Amino acid sequence: MKRPAPARFDRVGMPAEEEPMPSGISAYLDEGIALLARMKGSDLDRRVEEAIDRIATALAAHLPLLVCGNGGSAADAMHIAGELVGRFLLERPGLKAIALGADTAALTAWSNDYGYDSAFARQVEAYGERGGVLLAISTSGNSKSVIAACAAARRLGMSTIALTGEGGGKLAACVELLIDVPSRSTPRIQEAHICLYHYICQQVEARCAAAFAGRGARTAS
């Protein structure tokens, strides 16, 4: 007897929609270009500029930017923190950006004893400060651990920003600022997220560098 094909599931355990596979790299790139063009036609500029303003204001005041996500989004969180703690393009002081999934000891200790869903929230309690920012990344917008982190951040008086796919899922109702990519394809959303957060890092770095230089000039005078 022939066995039925196994069901496909997305990142949050829901049946995934079948997506046509592009034939060849040119078709694949064309799909990416089409998504970026759709993003240009939205009100993305306003939301991204607001995110830049919130993050730069916090970091220039030496308040933390906490970033979290799962899987590929965890890698994105570490990428963002790496650009800001180190450097993106400019020479300037390090910025207080922390990727919550990077501390495997804390992450696995808490998850083993209390469960994974509250692991990021616990780290927000440890590292968060009023006036800081939580940047939550979830392609579906439905990650329980990311949603719990947002709730913890809001209790502390932190700004909350989400990078998601189309609609924002459950995160849309949990954050102050939603930046959602108009796609339901996880790979496409992740590719667009890289473009978005590279631009955010560039602009945040420039504003913080200018703020620190201005303080140095006033101190010298």
N, C-alpha and C. Protein backbone atom coordinates (compact mmCIF):
# COMPACT_ATOMS: atom_id res chain seq x y z
N MET A 1 0.85 -1.20 0.00
CA MET A 1 0.00 0.00 0.00
C MET A 1 0.88 1.24 0.00
N LYS A 2 0.59 2.15 -0.90
CA LYS A 2 1.39 3.36 -0.99
C LYS A 2 1.05 4.31 0.14
N ARG A 3 2.08 4.78 0.82
CA ARG A 3 1.87 5.72 1.91
C ARG A 3 1.60 7.12 1.38
N PRO A 4 0.70 7.86 2.04
CA PRO A 4 0.46 9.25 1.60
C PRO A 4 1.67 10.12 1.87
N ALA A 5 1.85 11.12 1.05
CA ALA A 5 2.97 12.05 1.26
C ALA A 5 2.80 12.78 2.58
N PRO A 6 3.90 12.97 3.32
CA PRO A 6 3.79 13.68 4.61
C PRO A 6 3.33 15.11 4.42
N ALA A 7 2.54 15.59 5.38
CA ALA A 7 2.07 16.98 5.32
C ALA A 7 3.22 17.93 5.54
N ARG A 8 3.18 19.07 4.88
CA ARG A 8 4.18 20.11 5.09
C ARG A 8 3.65 21.07 6.15
N PHE A 9 4.55 21.55 7.00
CA PHE A 9 4.15 22.48 8.05
C PHE A 9 5.07 23.68 8.03
N ASP A 10 4.52 24.82 8.44
CA ASP A 10 5.34 26.03 8.49
C ASP A 10 6.04 26.11 9.84
N ARG A 11 6.63 27.30 10.13
CA ARG A 11 7.46 27.43 11.32
C ARG A 11 6.67 27.39 12.63
N VAL A 12 5.35 27.53 12.58
CA VAL A 12 4.57 27.53 13.81
C VAL A 12 3.59 26.38 13.86
N GLY A 13 3.84 25.31 13.06
CA GLY A 13 3.05 24.11 13.14
C GLY A 13 1.75 24.12 12.38
N MET A 14 1.52 25.09 11.54
CA MET A 14 0.31 25.15 10.73
C MET A 14 0.62 24.62 9.34
N PRO A 15 -0.35 23.96 8.69
CA PRO A 15 -0.10 23.47 7.33
C PRO A 15 0.36 24.59 6.41
N ALA A 16 1.42 24.33 5.70
CA ALA A 16 1.99 25.36 4.82
C ALA A 16 1.32 25.33 3.46
N GLU A 17 1.18 26.50 2.85
CA GLU A 17 0.64 26.58 1.50
C GLU A 17 1.73 26.19 0.51
N GLU A 18 1.32 25.45 -0.52
CA GLU A 18 2.27 25.09 -1.57
C GLU A 18 2.67 26.34 -2.34
N GLU A 19 3.96 26.49 -2.60
CA GLU A 19 4.44 27.65 -3.33
C GLU A 19 5.16 27.17 -4.60
N PRO A 20 4.84 27.73 -5.73
CA PRO A 20 5.53 27.32 -6.95
C PRO A 20 7.01 27.66 -6.86
N MET A 21 7.83 26.73 -7.30
CA MET A 21 9.27 26.95 -7.25
C MET A 21 9.72 27.65 -8.53
N PRO A 22 10.49 28.74 -8.41
CA PRO A 22 10.99 29.38 -9.63
C PRO A 22 11.96 28.47 -10.36
N SER A 23 11.95 28.53 -11.67
CA SER A 23 12.82 27.68 -12.47
C SER A 23 14.04 28.49 -12.90
N GLY A 24 15.14 28.30 -12.19
CA GLY A 24 16.38 28.99 -12.52
C GLY A 24 16.61 30.24 -11.69
N ILE A 25 17.87 30.64 -11.61
CA ILE A 25 18.25 31.76 -10.75
C ILE A 25 17.66 33.07 -11.25
N SER A 26 17.52 33.24 -12.56
CA SER A 26 16.96 34.49 -13.08
C SER A 26 15.52 34.67 -12.62
N ALA A 27 14.73 33.58 -12.66
CA ALA A 27 13.35 33.66 -12.20
C ALA A 27 13.29 33.91 -10.70
N TYR A 28 14.22 33.28 -9.97
CA TYR A 28 14.27 33.48 -8.52
C TYR A 28 14.56 34.94 -8.19
N LEU A 29 15.53 35.52 -8.87
CA LEU A 29 15.88 36.92 -8.64
C LEU A 29 14.74 37.85 -9.07
N ASP A 30 14.05 37.50 -10.14
CA ASP A 30 12.91 38.32 -10.58
C ASP A 30 11.83 38.37 -9.51
N GLU A 31 11.58 37.25 -8.83
CA GLU A 31 10.59 37.24 -7.76
C GLU A 31 11.02 38.16 -6.61
N GLY A 32 12.31 38.13 -6.28
CA GLY A 32 12.81 39.01 -5.23
C GLY A 32 12.70 40.47 -5.60
N ILE A 33 13.01 40.79 -6.84
CA ILE A 33 12.91 42.17 -7.33
C ILE A 33 11.46 42.64 -7.27
N ALA A 34 10.53 41.76 -7.65
CA ALA A 34 9.11 42.12 -7.63
C ALA A 34 8.64 42.42 -6.21
N LEU A 35 9.12 41.65 -5.23
CA LEU A 35 8.74 41.90 -3.84
C LEU A 35 9.30 43.24 -3.36
N LEU A 36 10.55 43.52 -3.67
CA LEU A 36 11.13 44.80 -3.25
C LEU A 36 10.40 45.97 -3.89
N ALA A 37 9.93 45.79 -5.13
CA ALA A 37 9.17 46.85 -5.79
C ALA A 37 7.83 47.08 -5.08
N ARG A 38 7.19 46.01 -4.63
CA ARG A 38 5.94 46.16 -3.89
C ARG A 38 6.17 46.88 -2.57
N MET A 39 7.29 46.63 -1.95
CA MET A 39 7.62 47.30 -0.69
C MET A 39 7.78 48.79 -0.89
N LYS A 40 8.33 49.20 -2.03
CA LYS A 40 8.50 50.63 -2.32
C LYS A 40 7.16 51.33 -2.45
N GLY A 41 6.14 50.61 -2.85
CA GLY A 41 4.84 51.22 -3.06
C GLY A 41 3.99 51.32 -1.82
N SER A 42 4.50 50.89 -0.67
CA SER A 42 3.74 50.93 0.58
C SER A 42 4.16 52.15 1.41
N ASP A 43 3.65 52.21 2.65
CA ASP A 43 4.06 53.32 3.54
C ASP A 43 5.26 52.91 4.37
N LEU A 44 6.10 52.07 3.78
CA LEU A 44 7.27 51.53 4.49
C LEU A 44 8.22 52.62 4.95
N ASP A 45 8.39 53.67 4.15
CA ASP A 45 9.32 54.74 4.50
C ASP A 45 9.01 55.32 5.88
N ARG A 46 7.75 55.61 6.11
CA ARG A 46 7.36 56.22 7.39
C ARG A 46 7.67 55.29 8.56
N ARG A 47 7.32 54.01 8.41
CA ARG A 47 7.51 53.07 9.51
C ARG A 47 8.99 52.80 9.77
N VAL A 48 9.76 52.67 8.71
CA VAL A 48 11.20 52.44 8.88
C VAL A 48 11.88 53.65 9.52
N GLU A 49 11.50 54.85 9.10
CA GLU A 49 12.10 56.05 9.68
C GLU A 49 11.74 56.16 11.18
N GLU A 50 10.53 55.77 11.52
CA GLU A 50 10.16 55.79 12.94
C GLU A 50 10.98 54.78 13.73
N ALA A 51 11.22 53.60 13.15
CA ALA A 51 12.05 52.61 13.81
C ALA A 51 13.47 53.13 14.01
N ILE A 52 14.02 53.76 12.99
CA ILE A 52 15.37 54.32 13.08
C ILE A 52 15.43 55.36 14.20
N ASP A 53 14.43 56.22 14.25
CA ASP A 53 14.40 57.27 15.28
C ASP A 53 14.35 56.67 16.68
N ARG A 54 13.50 55.67 16.88
CA ARG A 54 13.38 55.06 18.21
C ARG A 54 14.67 54.37 18.62
N ILE A 55 15.27 53.61 17.70
CA ILE A 55 16.48 52.86 18.02
C ILE A 55 17.66 53.79 18.24
N ALA A 56 17.84 54.78 17.36
CA ALA A 56 18.97 55.70 17.49
C ALA A 56 18.86 56.52 18.77
N THR A 57 17.65 56.95 19.12
CA THR A 57 17.46 57.73 20.35
C THR A 57 17.87 56.92 21.56
N ALA A 58 17.47 55.65 21.59
CA ALA A 58 17.82 54.79 22.72
C ALA A 58 19.33 54.53 22.79
N LEU A 59 19.91 54.14 21.68
CA LEU A 59 21.34 53.79 21.68
C LEU A 59 22.22 55.00 21.96
N ALA A 60 21.84 56.17 21.46
CA ALA A 60 22.62 57.37 21.73
C ALA A 60 22.58 57.74 23.21
N ALA A 61 21.54 57.30 23.91
CA ALA A 61 21.42 57.54 25.36
C ALA A 61 21.97 56.38 26.17
N HIS A 62 22.68 55.45 25.49
CA HIS A 62 23.28 54.27 26.13
C HIS A 62 22.22 53.34 26.73
N LEU A 63 21.05 53.32 26.12
CA LEU A 63 20.00 52.38 26.49
C LEU A 63 20.03 51.21 25.52
N PRO A 64 19.54 50.04 25.93
CA PRO A 64 19.74 48.84 25.11
C PRO A 64 18.77 48.69 23.95
N LEU A 65 19.28 48.10 22.88
CA LEU A 65 18.47 47.53 21.82
C LEU A 65 18.57 46.02 21.98
N LEU A 66 17.46 45.38 22.32
CA LEU A 66 17.41 43.92 22.42
C LEU A 66 16.76 43.39 21.15
N VAL A 67 17.34 42.33 20.58
CA VAL A 67 16.83 41.78 19.33
C VAL A 67 16.60 40.28 19.51
N CYS A 68 15.46 39.78 19.07
CA CYS A 68 15.20 38.35 19.24
C CYS A 68 14.45 37.77 18.05
N GLY A 69 14.61 36.47 17.88
CA GLY A 69 13.93 35.73 16.83
C GLY A 69 14.36 34.28 16.92
N ASN A 70 13.74 33.43 16.14
CA ASN A 70 14.03 32.00 16.13
C ASN A 70 14.53 31.54 14.77
N GLY A 71 15.43 30.56 14.77
CA GLY A 71 15.94 30.02 13.51
C GLY A 71 16.68 31.06 12.70
N GLY A 72 16.25 31.25 11.45
CA GLY A 72 16.87 32.27 10.62
C GLY A 72 16.74 33.66 11.20
N SER A 73 15.65 33.91 11.91
CA SER A 73 15.46 35.21 12.55
C SER A 73 16.40 35.40 13.72
N ALA A 74 16.81 34.30 14.38
CA ALA A 74 17.83 34.39 15.43
C ALA A 74 19.17 34.79 14.81
N ALA A 75 19.46 34.22 13.65
CA ALA A 75 20.69 34.61 12.94
C ALA A 75 20.64 36.08 12.54
N ASP A 76 19.47 36.55 12.10
CA ASP A 76 19.30 37.97 11.78
C ASP A 76 19.52 38.83 13.02
N ALA A 77 19.01 38.39 14.16
CA ALA A 77 19.18 39.15 15.40
C ALA A 77 20.67 39.29 15.74
N MET A 78 21.42 38.21 15.59
CA MET A 78 22.86 38.28 15.85
C MET A 78 23.57 39.15 14.82
N HIS A 79 23.12 39.09 13.58
CA HIS A 79 23.69 39.94 12.52
C HIS A 79 23.52 41.41 12.87
N ILE A 80 22.31 41.79 13.28
CA ILE A 80 22.04 43.19 13.64
C ILE A 80 22.91 43.63 14.81
N ALA A 81 22.95 42.80 15.86
CA ALA A 81 23.76 43.15 17.04
C ALA A 81 25.23 43.27 16.66
N GLY A 82 25.69 42.37 15.80
CA GLY A 82 27.09 42.43 15.38
C GLY A 82 27.43 43.71 14.65
N GLU A 83 26.52 44.17 13.78
CA GLU A 83 26.77 45.41 13.04
C GLU A 83 26.83 46.62 13.97
N LEU A 84 26.03 46.62 15.02
CA LEU A 84 25.94 47.79 15.89
C LEU A 84 26.97 47.77 17.02
N VAL A 85 27.28 46.60 17.55
CA VAL A 85 28.34 46.51 18.56
C VAL A 85 29.69 46.77 17.90
N GLY A 86 29.89 46.20 16.72
CA GLY A 86 31.12 46.43 15.97
C GLY A 86 31.01 47.71 15.16
N ARG A 87 30.95 47.55 13.85
CA ARG A 87 30.76 48.72 12.98
C ARG A 87 30.05 48.27 11.72
N PHE A 88 29.25 49.17 11.17
CA PHE A 88 28.62 48.92 9.87
C PHE A 88 29.46 49.57 8.79
N LEU A 89 29.57 50.90 8.83
CA LEU A 89 30.40 51.63 7.87
C LEU A 89 31.31 52.66 8.53
N LEU A 90 30.94 53.14 9.71
CA LEU A 90 31.62 54.28 10.32
C LEU A 90 32.41 53.88 11.57
N GLU A 91 33.46 54.63 11.82
CA GLU A 91 34.21 54.48 13.07
C GLU A 91 33.46 55.28 14.14
N ARG A 92 33.07 54.60 15.23
CA ARG A 92 32.33 55.28 16.31
C ARG A 92 32.34 54.35 17.51
N PRO A 93 31.90 54.82 18.69
CA PRO A 93 31.84 53.95 19.86
C PRO A 93 30.87 52.78 19.65
N GLY A 94 31.09 51.71 20.39
CA GLY A 94 30.18 50.57 20.33
C GLY A 94 28.80 50.94 20.84
N LEU A 95 27.80 50.26 20.31
CA LEU A 95 26.41 50.51 20.68
C LEU A 95 25.85 49.31 21.44
N LYS A 96 24.96 49.57 22.39
CA LYS A 96 24.47 48.54 23.30
C LYS A 96 23.35 47.72 22.64
N ALA A 97 23.74 46.83 21.74
CA ALA A 97 22.80 45.96 21.05
C ALA A 97 23.05 44.52 21.48
N ILE A 98 22.01 43.82 21.86
CA ILE A 98 22.14 42.46 22.40
C ILE A 98 21.18 41.53 21.66
N ALA A 99 21.71 40.44 21.10
CA ALA A 99 20.89 39.40 20.48
C ALA A 99 20.55 38.37 21.56
N LEU A 100 19.28 38.24 21.88
CA LEU A 100 18.89 37.42 23.02
C LEU A 100 19.13 35.93 22.81
N GLY A 101 19.14 35.47 21.57
CA GLY A 101 19.37 34.05 21.33
C GLY A 101 20.82 33.64 21.33
N ALA A 102 21.73 34.60 21.48
CA ALA A 102 23.16 34.29 21.36
C ALA A 102 23.75 33.64 22.60
N ASP A 103 23.14 33.84 23.76
CA ASP A 103 23.65 33.27 25.00
C ASP A 103 23.03 31.89 25.19
N THR A 104 23.69 30.86 24.67
CA THR A 104 23.11 29.52 24.69
C THR A 104 23.01 28.95 26.10
N ALA A 105 23.89 29.35 26.99
CA ALA A 105 23.81 28.85 28.37
C ALA A 105 22.54 29.34 29.05
N ALA A 106 22.31 30.65 28.97
CA ALA A 106 21.10 31.22 29.58
C ALA A 106 19.85 30.69 28.89
N LEU A 107 19.90 30.60 27.57
CA LEU A 107 18.74 30.17 26.79
C LEU A 107 18.35 28.73 27.13
N THR A 108 19.35 27.83 27.16
CA THR A 108 19.04 26.43 27.40
C THR A 108 18.75 26.14 28.87
N ALA A 109 19.41 26.86 29.78
CA ALA A 109 19.13 26.66 31.21
C ALA A 109 17.68 27.02 31.53
N TRP A 110 17.25 28.17 31.07
CA TRP A 110 15.87 28.60 31.35
C TRP A 110 14.87 27.69 30.63
N SER A 111 15.15 27.35 29.38
CA SER A 111 14.24 26.52 28.61
C SER A 111 14.10 25.14 29.23
N ASN A 112 15.19 24.59 29.73
CA ASN A 112 15.16 23.27 30.34
C ASN A 112 14.32 23.26 31.62
N ASP A 113 14.42 24.33 32.40
CA ASP A 113 13.74 24.37 33.71
C ASP A 113 12.32 24.91 33.63
N TYR A 114 12.07 25.86 32.72
CA TYR A 114 10.78 26.56 32.71
C TYR A 114 10.05 26.50 31.37
N GLY A 115 10.72 26.10 30.31
CA GLY A 115 10.10 26.07 28.99
C GLY A 115 10.62 27.16 28.08
N TYR A 116 10.64 26.85 26.78
CA TYR A 116 11.25 27.77 25.82
C TYR A 116 10.42 29.02 25.58
N ASP A 117 9.12 28.93 25.70
CA ASP A 117 8.26 30.06 25.34
C ASP A 117 8.57 31.33 26.12
N SER A 118 9.10 31.20 27.34
CA SER A 118 9.40 32.39 28.16
C SER A 118 10.89 32.72 28.20
N ALA A 119 11.69 32.04 27.38
CA ALA A 119 13.16 32.22 27.45
C ALA A 119 13.59 33.64 27.08
N PHE A 120 13.03 34.20 26.00
CA PHE A 120 13.39 35.56 25.61
C PHE A 120 12.84 36.57 26.62
N ALA A 121 11.64 36.31 27.12
CA ALA A 121 11.05 37.23 28.11
C ALA A 121 11.93 37.34 29.34
N ARG A 122 12.50 36.23 29.76
CA ARG A 122 13.39 36.25 30.93
C ARG A 122 14.62 37.12 30.66
N GLN A 123 15.17 37.03 29.45
CA GLN A 123 16.33 37.84 29.12
C GLN A 123 15.95 39.32 29.00
N VAL A 124 14.75 39.60 28.53
CA VAL A 124 14.29 40.98 28.52
C VAL A 124 14.24 41.52 29.95
N GLU A 125 13.74 40.71 30.89
CA GLU A 125 13.72 41.13 32.30
C GLU A 125 15.13 41.43 32.80
N ALA A 126 16.11 40.66 32.35
CA ALA A 126 17.49 40.82 32.81
C ALA A 126 18.19 42.03 32.19
N TYR A 127 17.98 42.25 30.89
CA TYR A 127 18.76 43.25 30.16
C TYR A 127 17.97 44.51 29.78
N GLY A 128 16.66 44.44 29.86
CA GLY A 128 15.84 45.57 29.40
C GLY A 128 15.88 46.75 30.35
N GLU A 129 15.65 47.93 29.78
CA GLU A 129 15.58 49.17 30.57
C GLU A 129 14.49 50.06 29.99
N ARG A 130 13.83 50.81 30.86
CA ARG A 130 12.84 51.77 30.38
C ARG A 130 13.50 52.73 29.39
N GLY A 131 12.86 52.94 28.27
CA GLY A 131 13.41 53.80 27.23
C GLY A 131 14.21 53.05 26.19
N GLY A 132 14.54 51.78 26.46
CA GLY A 132 15.23 50.95 25.48
C GLY A 132 14.25 50.46 24.43
N VAL A 133 14.75 49.61 23.53
CA VAL A 133 13.94 49.12 22.41
C VAL A 133 14.08 47.60 22.30
N LEU A 134 12.97 46.93 22.04
CA LEU A 134 12.99 45.52 21.65
C LEU A 134 12.62 45.44 20.18
N LEU A 135 13.49 44.82 19.38
CA LEU A 135 13.22 44.55 17.97
C LEU A 135 12.93 43.05 17.86
N ALA A 136 11.69 42.71 17.57
CA ALA A 136 11.24 41.32 17.51
C ALA A 136 11.12 40.89 16.06
N ILE A 137 11.73 39.75 15.70
CA ILE A 137 11.74 39.29 14.31
C ILE A 137 11.03 37.95 14.23
N SER A 138 10.02 37.87 13.40
CA SER A 138 9.28 36.63 13.19
C SER A 138 8.62 36.68 11.83
N THR A 139 8.96 35.74 10.95
CA THR A 139 8.37 35.79 9.61
C THR A 139 6.86 35.58 9.66
N SER A 140 6.40 34.71 10.54
CA SER A 140 4.96 34.47 10.67
C SER A 140 4.27 35.49 11.56
N GLY A 141 5.02 36.05 12.52
CA GLY A 141 4.43 36.93 13.51
C GLY A 141 3.73 36.18 14.63
N ASN A 142 3.87 34.86 14.67
CA ASN A 142 3.14 34.05 15.64
C ASN A 142 4.03 33.27 16.60
N SER A 143 5.31 33.59 16.64
CA SER A 143 6.22 32.88 17.54
C SER A 143 5.90 33.20 19.00
N LYS A 144 5.59 32.17 19.79
CA LYS A 144 5.19 32.38 21.18
C LYS A 144 6.30 33.02 22.00
N SER A 145 7.55 32.61 21.78
CA SER A 145 8.66 33.16 22.56
C SER A 145 8.89 34.62 22.25
N VAL A 146 8.67 35.02 21.00
CA VAL A 146 8.86 36.41 20.59
C VAL A 146 7.71 37.27 21.11
N ILE A 147 6.50 36.75 21.06
CA ILE A 147 5.35 37.47 21.60
C ILE A 147 5.51 37.70 23.10
N ALA A 148 5.98 36.69 23.81
CA ALA A 148 6.19 36.83 25.26
C ALA A 148 7.27 37.87 25.55
N ALA A 149 8.30 37.93 24.71
CA ALA A 149 9.35 38.93 24.89
C ALA A 149 8.79 40.34 24.74
N CYS A 150 7.89 40.53 23.78
CA CYS A 150 7.27 41.84 23.57
C CYS A 150 6.44 42.25 24.78
N ALA A 151 5.71 41.31 25.35
CA ALA A 151 4.91 41.61 26.54
C ALA A 151 5.81 42.03 27.70
N ALA A 152 6.93 41.34 27.87
CA ALA A 152 7.87 41.68 28.94
C ALA A 152 8.48 43.05 28.71
N ALA A 153 8.81 43.37 27.46
CA ALA A 153 9.40 44.67 27.14
C ALA A 153 8.43 45.80 27.43
N ARG A 154 7.18 45.61 27.10
CA ARG A 154 6.19 46.67 27.33
C ARG A 154 5.97 46.89 28.83
N ARG A 155 6.04 45.82 29.61
CA ARG A 155 5.91 45.98 31.07
C ARG A 155 7.04 46.84 31.63
N LEU A 156 8.22 46.78 30.99
CA LEU A 156 9.38 47.55 31.44
C LEU A 156 9.37 48.98 30.90
N GLY A 157 8.46 49.31 30.00
CA GLY A 157 8.45 50.64 29.41
C GLY A 157 9.39 50.79 28.23
N MET A 158 9.67 49.67 27.53
CA MET A 158 10.51 49.71 26.34
C MET A 158 9.65 49.90 25.10
N SER A 159 10.22 50.50 24.06
CA SER A 159 9.56 50.55 22.76
C SER A 159 9.62 49.16 22.14
N THR A 160 8.58 48.80 21.40
CA THR A 160 8.55 47.49 20.75
C THR A 160 8.32 47.65 19.26
N ILE A 161 9.19 47.00 18.48
CA ILE A 161 9.14 47.05 17.02
C ILE A 161 9.19 45.61 16.51
N ALA A 162 8.41 45.30 15.50
CA ALA A 162 8.43 43.95 14.93
C ALA A 162 8.75 43.99 13.45
N LEU A 163 9.60 43.06 13.01
CA LEU A 163 9.84 42.77 11.60
C LEU A 163 9.17 41.43 11.30
N THR A 164 8.18 41.42 10.41
CA THR A 164 7.41 40.22 10.14
C THR A 164 7.11 40.07 8.66
N GLY A 165 6.32 39.03 8.36
CA GLY A 165 5.73 38.90 7.05
C GLY A 165 4.40 39.63 6.99
N GLU A 166 3.69 39.44 5.91
CA GLU A 166 2.46 40.19 5.64
C GLU A 166 1.45 40.07 6.77
N GLY A 167 0.98 41.22 7.25
CA GLY A 167 -0.05 41.24 8.28
C GLY A 167 0.45 41.23 9.69
N GLY A 168 1.63 40.67 9.92
CA GLY A 168 2.24 40.69 11.25
C GLY A 168 1.78 39.61 12.20
N GLY A 169 0.81 38.78 11.82
CA GLY A 169 0.34 37.73 12.70
C GLY A 169 -0.11 38.28 14.05
N LYS A 170 0.07 37.50 15.10
CA LYS A 170 -0.33 37.92 16.44
C LYS A 170 0.54 39.04 16.98
N LEU A 171 1.75 39.17 16.44
CA LEU A 171 2.64 40.25 16.90
C LEU A 171 2.08 41.63 16.58
N ALA A 172 1.27 41.72 15.55
CA ALA A 172 0.74 43.03 15.13
C ALA A 172 0.01 43.73 16.27
N ALA A 173 -0.65 42.96 17.12
CA ALA A 173 -1.40 43.55 18.23
C ALA A 173 -0.55 43.73 19.48
N CYS A 174 0.70 43.28 19.43
CA CYS A 174 1.55 43.29 20.63
C CYS A 174 2.62 44.37 20.60
N VAL A 175 2.84 45.00 19.44
CA VAL A 175 3.94 45.95 19.30
C VAL A 175 3.42 47.33 18.95
N GLU A 176 4.24 48.32 19.21
CA GLU A 176 3.88 49.71 18.90
C GLU A 176 4.12 50.03 17.42
N LEU A 177 5.09 49.35 16.82
CA LEU A 177 5.45 49.65 15.43
C LEU A 177 5.67 48.35 14.68
N LEU A 178 4.89 48.12 13.64
CA LEU A 178 4.98 46.91 12.83
C LEU A 178 5.56 47.25 11.46
N ILE A 179 6.60 46.51 11.08
CA ILE A 179 7.18 46.61 9.75
C ILE A 179 7.00 45.24 9.11
N ASP A 180 5.96 45.09 8.31
CA ASP A 180 5.64 43.79 7.72
C ASP A 180 5.93 43.79 6.22
N VAL A 181 6.60 42.74 5.80
CA VAL A 181 6.93 42.56 4.39
C VAL A 181 5.72 41.95 3.68
N PRO A 182 5.30 42.49 2.53
CA PRO A 182 4.09 42.01 1.86
C PRO A 182 4.28 40.67 1.14
N SER A 183 4.56 39.63 1.93
CA SER A 183 4.75 38.29 1.38
C SER A 183 4.45 37.28 2.48
N ARG A 184 4.06 36.06 2.07
CA ARG A 184 3.86 34.96 3.01
C ARG A 184 4.87 33.84 2.79
N SER A 185 5.86 34.09 1.98
CA SER A 185 6.93 33.13 1.71
C SER A 185 8.08 33.39 2.68
N THR A 186 8.39 32.41 3.54
CA THR A 186 9.43 32.62 4.55
C THR A 186 10.78 33.04 3.94
N PRO A 187 11.28 32.35 2.91
CA PRO A 187 12.57 32.79 2.34
C PRO A 187 12.52 34.22 1.82
N ARG A 188 11.43 34.59 1.15
CA ARG A 188 11.32 35.94 0.61
C ARG A 188 11.27 36.99 1.73
N ILE A 189 10.54 36.69 2.77
CA ILE A 189 10.45 37.62 3.91
C ILE A 189 11.83 37.82 4.51
N GLN A 190 12.57 36.74 4.69
CA GLN A 190 13.91 36.84 5.28
C GLN A 190 14.84 37.66 4.40
N GLU A 191 14.75 37.47 3.09
CA GLU A 191 15.59 38.24 2.18
C GLU A 191 15.26 39.73 2.26
N ALA A 192 13.98 40.05 2.35
CA ALA A 192 13.58 41.45 2.48
C ALA A 192 13.99 42.03 3.82
N HIS A 193 13.93 41.21 4.87
CA HIS A 193 14.35 41.68 6.19
C HIS A 193 15.81 42.13 6.18
N ILE A 194 16.65 41.41 5.45
CA ILE A 194 18.07 41.81 5.38
C ILE A 194 18.20 43.21 4.79
N CYS A 195 17.49 43.48 3.72
CA CYS A 195 17.53 44.83 3.13
C CYS A 195 17.07 45.88 4.14
N LEU A 196 15.98 45.57 4.84
CA LEU A 196 15.44 46.53 5.80
C LEU A 196 16.40 46.79 6.94
N TYR A 197 16.91 45.74 7.56
CA TYR A 197 17.74 46.00 8.74
C TYR A 197 19.14 46.49 8.40
N HIS A 198 19.63 46.20 7.19
CA HIS A 198 20.89 46.82 6.78
C HIS A 198 20.71 48.34 6.68
N TYR A 199 19.60 48.77 6.08
CA TYR A 199 19.34 50.21 6.00
C TYR A 199 19.15 50.81 7.39
N ILE A 200 18.43 50.12 8.25
CA ILE A 200 18.23 50.62 9.62
C ILE A 200 19.57 50.74 10.33
N CYS A 201 20.43 49.73 10.21
CA CYS A 201 21.75 49.80 10.85
C CYS A 201 22.57 50.97 10.32
N GLN A 202 22.54 51.17 9.01
CA GLN A 202 23.28 52.28 8.41
C GLN A 202 22.85 53.62 8.98
N GLN A 203 21.54 53.82 9.05
CA GLN A 203 21.02 55.11 9.50
C GLN A 203 21.18 55.29 11.01
N VAL A 204 20.98 54.24 11.77
CA VAL A 204 21.17 54.32 13.23
C VAL A 204 22.62 54.64 13.54
N GLU A 205 23.53 53.95 12.86
CA GLU A 205 24.95 54.21 13.09
C GLU A 205 25.31 55.66 12.78
N ALA A 206 24.81 56.19 11.67
CA ALA A 206 25.12 57.57 11.29
C ALA A 206 24.61 58.55 12.32
N ARG A 207 23.39 58.34 12.81
CA ARG A 207 22.83 59.27 13.80
C ARG A 207 23.55 59.18 15.13
N CYS A 208 23.89 57.97 15.55
CA CYS A 208 24.60 57.82 16.82
C CYS A 208 26.02 58.40 16.72
N ALA A 209 26.69 58.16 15.59
CA ALA A 209 28.03 58.71 15.41
C ALA A 209 28.00 60.23 15.48
N ALA A 210 27.00 60.84 14.85
CA ALA A 210 26.87 62.30 14.89
C ALA A 210 26.59 62.78 16.31
N ALA A 211 25.74 62.05 17.03
CA ALA A 211 25.43 62.45 18.42
C ALA A 211 26.66 62.37 19.29
N PHE A 212 27.43 61.30 19.16
CA PHE A 212 28.62 61.15 19.99
C PHE A 212 29.68 62.19 19.63
N ALA A 213 29.82 62.49 18.33
CA ALA A 213 30.78 63.51 17.90
C ALA A 213 30.38 64.87 18.44
N GLY A 214 29.10 65.18 18.43
CA GLY A 214 28.63 66.46 18.95
C GLY A 214 28.92 66.60 20.44
N ARG A 215 28.74 65.52 21.18
CA ARG A 215 29.04 65.58 22.61
C ARG A 215 30.53 65.78 22.86
N GLY A 216 31.35 65.11 22.04
CA GLY A 216 32.79 65.28 22.17
C GLY A 216 33.23 66.69 21.88
N ALA A 217 32.62 67.30 20.85
CA ALA A 217 32.98 68.69 20.51
C ALA A 217 32.58 69.64 21.63
N ARG A 218 31.41 69.41 22.24
CA ARG A 218 30.98 70.28 23.34
C ARG A 218 31.88 70.11 24.55
N THR A 219 32.30 68.86 24.80
CA THR A 219 33.19 68.60 25.93
C THR A 219 34.54 69.29 25.73
N ALA A 220 35.07 69.21 24.48
CA ALA A 220 36.37 69.81 24.18
C ALA A 220 36.33 71.32 24.32
N SER A 221 35.17 71.91 24.02
CA SER A 221 35.09 73.37 24.11
C SER A 221 34.89 73.83 25.54
